[in-house]
Amino acid sequence: MEKKITFNELRKIKDSLPDGSIRQIAQEFEMEVETVRNYFGGANYDRGKSVGIHLEPGPNGGIVLLDDTKILDRAQELLAQVN
């Protein structure tokens, strides 16, 4: 399922995650930690893969189109558990 979100919103979610969450998500989805970081706007393609995010310039860091929301959905579930 596709979703549009601002880059700043996506980074805020990542920055709000509890310690170890990126590694936990990577393990749950059987992917490299750097791939999950790339999903949240990172750019380490030597160790991680592209995960279907498309950036368009604009306000609030631009618009990000996510091809698949499973990583975002899981991150939001982890945040809900903390709050």
PDB file of N, CA and C in Angstrom:
ATOM      1  N   MET A   1       0.846  -1.180   0.000  1.00  0.00           N
ATOM      2  CA  MET A   1       0.000   0.000   0.000  1.00  0.00           C
ATOM      3  C   MET A   1       0.891   1.242   0.000  1.00  0.00           C
ATOM      4  N   GLU A   2       0.619   2.175  -0.865  1.00  0.00           N
ATOM      5  CA  GLU A   2       1.388   3.412  -0.951  1.00  0.00           C
ATOM      6  C   GLU A   2       0.920   4.417   0.086  1.00  0.00           C
ATOM      7  N   LYS A   3       1.841   5.300   0.461  1.00  0.00           N
ATOM      8  CA  LYS A   3       1.495   6.364   1.395  1.00  0.00           C
ATOM      9  C   LYS A   3       2.395   7.552   1.128  1.00  0.00           C
ATOM     10  N   LYS A   4       1.842   8.752   1.263  1.00  0.00           N
ATOM     11  CA  LYS A   4       2.628   9.980   1.174  1.00  0.00           C
ATOM     12  C   LYS A   4       2.796  10.539   2.572  1.00  0.00           C
ATOM     13  N   ILE A   5       3.997  11.013   2.849  1.00  0.00           N
ATOM     14  CA  ILE A   5       4.324  11.594   4.148  1.00  0.00           C
ATOM     15  C   ILE A   5       5.431  12.608   3.907  1.00  0.00           C
ATOM     16  N   THR A   6       5.507  13.640   4.733  1.00  0.00           N
ATOM     17  CA  THR A   6       6.620  14.572   4.546  1.00  0.00           C
ATOM     18  C   THR A   6       7.901  13.934   5.078  1.00  0.00           C
ATOM     19  N   PHE A   7       9.013  14.359   4.513  1.00  0.00           N
ATOM     20  CA  PHE A   7      10.305  13.843   4.950  1.00  0.00           C
ATOM     21  C   PHE A   7      10.513  14.145   6.430  1.00  0.00           C
ATOM     22  N   ASN A   8      10.141  15.345   6.859  1.00  0.00           N
ATOM     23  CA  ASN A   8      10.313  15.712   8.267  1.00  0.00           C
ATOM     24  C   ASN A   8       9.471  14.827   9.193  1.00  0.00           C
ATOM     25  N   GLU A   9       8.267  14.476   8.774  1.00  0.00           N
ATOM     26  CA  GLU A   9       7.425  13.574   9.582  1.00  0.00           C
ATOM     27  C   GLU A   9       8.070  12.188   9.685  1.00  0.00           C
ATOM     28  N   LEU A  10       8.592  11.712   8.564  1.00  0.00           N
ATOM     29  CA  LEU A  10       9.241  10.401   8.548  1.00  0.00           C
ATOM     30  C   LEU A  10      10.451  10.381   9.467  1.00  0.00           C
ATOM     31  N   ARG A  11      11.262  11.432   9.418  1.00  0.00           N
ATOM     32  CA  ARG A  11      12.440  11.517  10.286  1.00  0.00           C
ATOM     33  C   ARG A  11      12.043  11.651  11.757  1.00  0.00           C
ATOM     34  N   LYS A  12      10.963  12.376  12.025  1.00  0.00           N
ATOM     35  CA  LYS A  12      10.497  12.529  13.406  1.00  0.00           C
ATOM     36  C   LYS A  12      10.096  11.170  13.986  1.00  0.00           C
ATOM     37  N   ILE A  13       9.434  10.347  13.187  1.00  0.00           N
ATOM     38  CA  ILE A  13       9.059   9.005  13.641  1.00  0.00           C
ATOM     39  C   ILE A  13      10.310   8.211  13.970  1.00  0.00           C
ATOM     40  N   LYS A  14      11.285   8.222  13.050  1.00  0.00           N
ATOM     41  CA  LYS A  14      12.536   7.491  13.277  1.00  0.00           C
ATOM     42  C   LYS A  14      13.231   7.982  14.544  1.00  0.00           C
ATOM     43  N   ASP A  15      13.335   9.295  14.687  1.00  0.00           N
ATOM     44  CA  ASP A  15      14.035   9.863  15.842  1.00  0.00           C
ATOM     45  C   ASP A  15      13.305   9.610  17.156  1.00  0.00           C
ATOM     46  N   SER A  16      12.017   9.348  17.114  1.00  0.00           N
ATOM     47  CA  SER A  16      11.223   9.099  18.321  1.00  0.00           C
ATOM     48  C   SER A  16      11.244   7.640  18.763  1.00  0.00           C
ATOM     49  N   LEU A  17      11.732   6.757  17.903  1.00  0.00           N
ATOM     50  CA  LEU A  17      11.746   5.332  18.237  1.00  0.00           C
ATOM     51  C   LEU A  17      12.682   5.049  19.407  1.00  0.00           C
ATOM     52  N   PRO A  18      12.309   4.123  20.264  1.00  0.00           N
ATOM     53  CA  PRO A  18      13.193   3.734  21.367  1.00  0.00           C
ATOM     54  C   PRO A  18      14.478   3.096  20.829  1.00  0.00           C
ATOM     55  N   ASP A  19      15.523   3.147  21.625  1.00  0.00           N
ATOM     56  CA  ASP A  19      16.795   2.532  21.247  1.00  0.00           C
ATOM     57  C   ASP A  19      16.587   1.076  20.872  1.00  0.00           C
ATOM     58  N   GLY A  20      17.240   0.663  19.800  1.00  0.00           N
ATOM     59  CA  GLY A  20      17.167  -0.722  19.358  1.00  0.00           C
ATOM     60  C   GLY A  20      16.010  -1.031  18.428  1.00  0.00           C
ATOM     61  N   SER A  21      15.127  -0.067  18.190  1.00  0.00           N
ATOM     62  CA  SER A  21      13.946  -0.318  17.360  1.00  0.00           C
ATOM     63  C   SER A  21      14.296  -0.584  15.901  1.00  0.00           C
ATOM     64  N   ILE A  22      15.269   0.143  15.377  1.00  0.00           N
ATOM     65  CA  ILE A  22      15.662  -0.059  13.982  1.00  0.00           C
ATOM     66  C   ILE A  22      16.181  -1.484  13.799  1.00  0.00           C
ATOM     67  N   ARG A  23      17.002  -1.935  14.730  1.00  0.00           N
ATOM     68  CA  ARG A  23      17.531  -3.307  14.674  1.00  0.00           C
ATOM     69  C   ARG A  23      16.394  -4.329  14.813  1.00  0.00           C
ATOM     70  N   GLN A  24      15.451  -4.054  15.709  1.00  0.00           N
ATOM     71  CA  GLN A  24      14.307  -4.958  15.903  1.00  0.00           C
ATOM     72  C   GLN A  24      13.473  -5.073  14.633  1.00  0.00           C
ATOM     73  N   ILE A  25      13.189  -3.941  13.994  1.00  0.00           N
ATOM     74  CA  ILE A  25      12.415  -3.956  12.750  1.00  0.00           C
ATOM     75  C   ILE A  25      13.170  -4.725  11.677  1.00  0.00           C
ATOM     76  N   ALA A  26      14.470  -4.496  11.584  1.00  0.00           N
ATOM     77  CA  ALA A  26      15.287  -5.201  10.592  1.00  0.00           C
ATOM     78  C   ALA A  26      15.223  -6.713  10.807  1.00  0.00           C
ATOM     79  N   GLN A  27      15.305  -7.142  12.049  1.00  0.00           N
ATOM     80  CA  GLN A  27      15.243  -8.571  12.337  1.00  0.00           C
ATOM     81  C   GLN A  27      13.863  -9.144  12.008  1.00  0.00           C
ATOM     82  N   GLU A  28      12.818  -8.415  12.361  1.00  0.00           N
ATOM     83  CA  GLU A  28      11.456  -8.889  12.107  1.00  0.00           C
ATOM     84  C   GLU A  28      11.179  -9.075  10.616  1.00  0.00           C
ATOM     85  N   PHE A  29      11.736  -8.190   9.796  1.00  0.00           N
ATOM     86  CA  PHE A  29      11.493  -8.252   8.356  1.00  0.00           C
ATOM     87  C   PHE A  29      12.660  -8.882   7.587  1.00  0.00           C
ATOM     88  N   GLU A  30      13.606  -9.435   8.349  1.00  0.00           N
ATOM     89  CA  GLU A  30      14.752 -10.139   7.770  1.00  0.00           C
ATOM     90  C   GLU A  30      15.470  -9.294   6.720  1.00  0.00           C
ATOM     91  N   MET A  31      15.910  -8.118   7.149  1.00  0.00           N
ATOM     92  CA  MET A  31      16.658  -7.218   6.272  1.00  0.00           C
ATOM     93  C   MET A  31      17.790  -6.579   7.055  1.00  0.00           C
ATOM     94  N   GLU A  32      18.719  -5.972   6.337  1.00  0.00           N
ATOM     95  CA  GLU A  32      19.846  -5.289   6.964  1.00  0.00           C
ATOM     96  C   GLU A  32      19.362  -4.055   7.728  1.00  0.00           C
ATOM     97  N   VAL A  33      20.054  -3.740   8.806  1.00  0.00           N
ATOM     98  CA  VAL A  33      19.736  -2.543   9.592  1.00  0.00           C
ATOM     99  C   VAL A  33      19.830  -1.299   8.707  1.00  0.00           C
ATOM    100  N   GLU A  34      20.845  -1.237   7.850  1.00  0.00           N
ATOM    101  CA  GLU A  34      21.014  -0.070   6.977  1.00  0.00           C
ATOM    102  C   GLU A  34      19.846   0.076   5.997  1.00  0.00           C
ATOM    103  N   THR A  35      19.229  -1.008   5.610  1.00  0.00           N
ATOM    104  CA  THR A  35      18.071  -0.940   4.725  1.00  0.00           C
ATOM    105  C   THR A  35      16.916  -0.245   5.434  1.00  0.00           C
ATOM    106  N   VAL A  36      16.713  -0.555   6.711  1.00  0.00           N
ATOM    107  CA  VAL A  36      15.656   0.112   7.485  1.00  0.00           C
ATOM    108  C   VAL A  36      16.006   1.587   7.655  1.00  0.00           C
ATOM    109  N   ARG A  37      17.260   1.887   7.905  1.00  0.00           N
ATOM    110  CA  ARG A  37      17.677   3.298   8.012  1.00  0.00           C
ATOM    111  C   ARG A  37      17.440   4.031   6.692  1.00  0.00           C
ATOM    112  N   ASN A  38      17.723   3.362   5.581  1.00  0.00           N
ATOM    113  CA  ASN A  38      17.469   3.976   4.268  1.00  0.00           C
ATOM    114  C   ASN A  38      15.994   4.280   4.084  1.00  0.00           C
ATOM    115  N   TYR A  39      15.123   3.443   4.612  1.00  0.00           N
ATOM    116  CA  TYR A  39      13.679   3.668   4.541  1.00  0.00           C
ATOM    117  C   TYR A  39      13.314   4.994   5.198  1.00  0.00           C
ATOM    118  N   PHE A  40      14.015   5.314   6.279  1.00  0.00           N
ATOM    119  CA  PHE A  40      13.744   6.547   7.015  1.00  0.00           C
ATOM    120  C   PHE A  40      14.588   7.716   6.526  1.00  0.00           C
ATOM    121  N   GLY A  41      15.132   7.616   5.326  1.00  0.00           N
ATOM    122  CA  GLY A  41      15.835   8.745   4.719  1.00  0.00           C
ATOM    123  C   GLY A  41      17.334   8.619   4.681  1.00  0.00           C
ATOM    124  N   GLY A  42      17.884   7.509   5.142  1.00  0.00           N
ATOM    125  CA  GLY A  42      19.324   7.298   5.064  1.00  0.00           C
ATOM    126  C   GLY A  42      19.757   7.071   3.628  1.00  0.00           C
ATOM    127  N   ALA A  43      21.060   6.978   3.419  1.00  0.00           N
ATOM    128  CA  ALA A  43      21.560   6.794   2.054  1.00  0.00           C
ATOM    129  C   ALA A  43      22.793   5.907   2.032  1.00  0.00           C
ATOM    130  N   ASN A  44      22.792   4.840   2.819  1.00  0.00           N
ATOM    131  CA  ASN A  44      23.915   3.908   2.821  1.00  0.00           C
ATOM    132  C   ASN A  44      23.538   2.708   1.959  1.00  0.00           C
ATOM    133  N   TYR A  45      23.851   2.807   0.679  1.00  0.00           N
ATOM    134  CA  TYR A  45      23.483   1.738  -0.240  1.00  0.00           C
ATOM    135  C   TYR A  45      24.602   0.725  -0.429  1.00  0.00           C
ATOM    136  N   ASP A  46      25.751   0.948   0.230  1.00  0.00           N
ATOM    137  CA  ASP A  46      26.819  -0.052   0.211  1.00  0.00           C
ATOM    138  C   ASP A  46      26.428  -1.241   1.085  1.00  0.00           C
ATOM    139  N   ARG A  47      25.821  -0.962   2.236  1.00  0.00           N
ATOM    140  CA  ARG A  47      25.458  -2.020   3.172  1.00  0.00           C
ATOM    141  C   ARG A  47      23.957  -2.276   3.220  1.00  0.00           C
ATOM    142  N   GLY A  48      23.165  -1.310   2.791  1.00  0.00           N
ATOM    143  CA  GLY A  48      21.717  -1.464   2.801  1.00  0.00           C
ATOM    144  C   GLY A  48      21.161  -1.337   1.398  1.00  0.00           C
ATOM    145  N   LYS A  49      19.893  -1.647   1.260  1.00  0.00           N
ATOM    146  CA  LYS A  49      19.246  -1.591  -0.053  1.00  0.00           C
ATOM    147  C   LYS A  49      18.232  -0.456  -0.099  1.00  0.00           C
ATOM    148  N   SER A  50      17.827  -0.124  -1.295  1.00  0.00           N
ATOM    149  CA  SER A  50      16.735   0.811  -1.492  1.00  0.00           C
ATOM    150  C   SER A  50      15.439   0.071  -1.170  1.00  0.00           C
ATOM    151  N   VAL A  51      14.515   0.742  -0.546  1.00  0.00           N
ATOM    152  CA  VAL A  51      13.290   0.072  -0.122  1.00  0.00           C
ATOM    153  C   VAL A  51      12.020   0.743  -0.646  1.00  0.00           C
ATOM    154  N   GLY A  52      12.103   1.374  -1.777  1.00  0.00           N
ATOM    155  CA  GLY A  52      10.898   1.916  -2.390  1.00  0.00           C
ATOM    156  C   GLY A  52      10.409   3.209  -1.800  1.00  0.00           C
ATOM    157  N   ILE A  53      11.334   4.141  -1.575  1.00  0.00           N
ATOM    158  CA  ILE A  53      10.897   5.480  -1.196  1.00  0.00           C
ATOM    159  C   ILE A  53      11.280   6.418  -2.332  1.00  0.00           C
ATOM    160  N   HIS A  54      10.400   7.362  -2.596  1.00  0.00           N
ATOM    161  CA  HIS A  54      10.609   8.321  -3.674  1.00  0.00           C
ATOM    162  C   HIS A  54      10.454   9.710  -3.076  1.00  0.00           C
ATOM    163  N   LEU A  55      11.456  10.558  -3.259  1.00  0.00           N
ATOM    164  CA  LEU A  55      11.461  11.900  -2.691  1.00  0.00           C
ATOM    165  C   LEU A  55      11.107  12.934  -3.737  1.00  0.00           C
ATOM    166  N   GLU A  56      10.246  13.859  -3.360  1.00  0.00           N
ATOM    167  CA  GLU A  56       9.893  14.986  -4.210  1.00  0.00           C
ATOM    168  C   GLU A  56      10.187  16.253  -3.412  1.00  0.00           C
ATOM    169  N   PRO A  57      10.886  17.224  -4.003  1.00  0.00           N
ATOM    170  CA  PRO A  57      11.179  18.462  -3.279  1.00  0.00           C
ATOM    171  C   PRO A  57       9.887  19.159  -2.849  1.00  0.00           C
ATOM    172  N   GLY A  58       9.981  19.857  -1.741  1.00  0.00           N
ATOM    173  CA  GLY A  58       8.830  20.607  -1.263  1.00  0.00           C
ATOM    174  C   GLY A  58       9.036  21.045   0.169  1.00  0.00           C
ATOM    175  N   PRO A  59       8.006  21.658   0.764  1.00  0.00           N
ATOM    176  CA  PRO A  59       8.115  22.107   2.155  1.00  0.00           C
ATOM    177  C   PRO A  59       8.242  20.927   3.116  1.00  0.00           C
ATOM    178  N   ASN A  60       8.734  21.203   4.302  1.00  0.00           N
ATOM    179  CA  ASN A  60       8.908  20.187   5.347  1.00  0.00           C
ATOM    180  C   ASN A  60       9.828  19.053   4.900  1.00  0.00           C
ATOM    181  N   GLY A  61      10.852  19.405   4.146  1.00  0.00           N
ATOM    182  CA  GLY A  61      11.813  18.415   3.690  1.00  0.00           C
ATOM    183  C   GLY A  61      11.393  17.703   2.423  1.00  0.00           C
ATOM    184  N   GLY A  62      10.228  18.020   1.913  1.00  0.00           N
ATOM    185  CA  GLY A  62       9.730  17.384   0.701  1.00  0.00           C
ATOM    186  C   GLY A  62       8.735  16.287   1.018  1.00  0.00           C
ATOM    187  N   ILE A  63       8.194  15.718  -0.019  1.00  0.00           N
ATOM    188  CA  ILE A  63       7.203  14.652   0.107  1.00  0.00           C
ATOM    189  C   ILE A  63       7.885  13.327  -0.185  1.00  0.00           C
ATOM    190  N   VAL A  64       7.583  12.334   0.613  1.00  0.00           N
ATOM    191  CA  VAL A  64       8.104  10.990   0.423  1.00  0.00           C
ATOM    192  C   VAL A  64       6.935  10.092   0.051  1.00  0.00           C
ATOM    193  N   LEU A  65       7.083   9.380  -1.048  1.00  0.00           N
ATOM    194  CA  LEU A  65       6.092   8.381  -1.439  1.00  0.00           C
ATOM    195  C   LEU A  65       6.674   7.026  -1.081  1.00  0.00           C
ATOM    196  N   LEU A  66       5.994   6.329  -0.190  1.00  0.00           N
ATOM    197  CA  LEU A  66       6.423   4.999   0.255  1.00  0.00           C
ATOM    198  C   LEU A  66       5.651   3.954  -0.536  1.00  0.00           C
ATOM    199  N   ASP A  67       6.371   3.057  -1.213  1.00  0.00           N
ATOM    200  CA  ASP A  67       5.718   1.995  -1.975  1.00  0.00           C
ATOM    201  C   ASP A  67       5.053   0.966  -1.062  1.00  0.00           C
ATOM    202  N   ASP A  68       5.644   0.748   0.104  1.00  0.00           N
ATOM    203  CA  ASP A  68       5.155  -0.256   1.047  1.00  0.00           C
ATOM    204  C   ASP A  68       5.267   0.346   2.444  1.00  0.00           C
ATOM    205  N   THR A  69       4.214   0.260   3.232  1.00  0.00           N
ATOM    206  CA  THR A  69       4.200   0.916   4.538  1.00  0.00           C
ATOM    207  C   THR A  69       4.492  -0.019   5.709  1.00  0.00           C
ATOM    208  N   LYS A  70       4.887  -1.263   5.456  1.00  0.00           N
ATOM    209  CA  LYS A  70       5.031  -2.207   6.565  1.00  0.00           C
ATOM    210  C   LYS A  70       6.071  -1.740   7.594  1.00  0.00           C
ATOM    211  N   ILE A  71       7.166  -1.136   7.161  1.00  0.00           N
ATOM    212  CA  ILE A  71       8.181  -0.657   8.107  1.00  0.00           C
ATOM    213  C   ILE A  71       7.623   0.521   8.891  1.00  0.00           C
ATOM    214  N   LEU A  72       6.974   1.452   8.212  1.00  0.00           N
ATOM    215  CA  LEU A  72       6.366   2.595   8.882  1.00  0.00           C
ATOM    216  C   LEU A  72       5.295   2.138   9.861  1.00  0.00           C
ATOM    217  N   ASP A  73       4.464   1.205   9.450  1.00  0.00           N
ATOM    218  CA  ASP A  73       3.401   0.698  10.326  1.00  0.00           C
ATOM    219  C   ASP A  73       3.987   0.072  11.586  1.00  0.00           C
ATOM    220  N   ARG A  74       5.047  -0.702  11.428  1.00  0.00           N
ATOM    221  CA  ARG A  74       5.676  -1.352  12.586  1.00  0.00           C
ATOM    222  C   ARG A  74       6.308  -0.309  13.500  1.00  0.00           C
ATOM    223  N   ALA A  75       6.944   0.703  12.920  1.00  0.00           N
ATOM    224  CA  ALA A  75       7.538   1.778  13.730  1.00  0.00           C
ATOM    225  C   ALA A  75       6.453   2.498  14.534  1.00  0.00           C
ATOM    226  N   GLN A  76       5.321   2.750  13.917  1.00  0.00           N
ATOM    227  CA  GLN A  76       4.232   3.419  14.629  1.00  0.00           C
ATOM    228  C   GLN A  76       3.661   2.530  15.728  1.00  0.00           C
ATOM    229  N   GLU A  77       3.627   1.218  15.513  1.00  0.00           N
ATOM    230  CA  GLU A  77       3.193   0.291  16.574  1.00  0.00           C
ATOM    231  C   GLU A  77       4.156   0.352  17.760  1.00  0.00           C
ATOM    232  N   LEU A  78       5.453   0.377  17.473  1.00  0.00           N
ATOM    233  CA  LEU A  78       6.445   0.465  18.555  1.00  0.00           C
ATOM    234  C   LEU A  78       6.313   1.768  19.319  1.00  0.00           C
ATOM    235  N   LEU A  79       6.048   2.857  18.617  1.00  0.00           N
ATOM    236  CA  LEU A  79       5.849   4.147  19.286  1.00  0.00           C
ATOM    237  C   LEU A  79       4.610   4.131  20.158  1.00  0.00           C
ATOM    238  N   ALA A  80       3.549   3.494  19.685  1.00  0.00           N
ATOM    239  CA  ALA A  80       2.304   3.415  20.456  1.00  0.00           C
ATOM    240  C   ALA A  80       2.523   2.620  21.745  1.00  0.00           C
ATOM    241  N   GLN A  81       3.370   1.596  21.693  1.00  0.00           N
ATOM    242  CA  GLN A  81       3.670   0.808  22.894  1.00  0.00           C
ATOM    243  C   GLN A  81       4.397   1.635  23.937  1.00  0.00           C
ATOM    244  N   VAL A  82       5.249   2.546  23.479  1.00  0.00           N
ATOM    245  CA  VAL A  82       6.016   3.387  24.399  1.00  0.00           C
ATOM    246  C   VAL A  82       5.108   4.441  25.027  1.00  0.00           C
ATOM    247  N   ASN A  83       4.212   4.989  24.207  1.00  0.00           N
ATOM    248  CA  ASN A  83       3.330   6.063  24.688  1.00  0.00           C
ATOM    249  C   ASN A  83       2.122   5.431  25.273  1.00  0.00           C
TER     250      ASN A  83
END
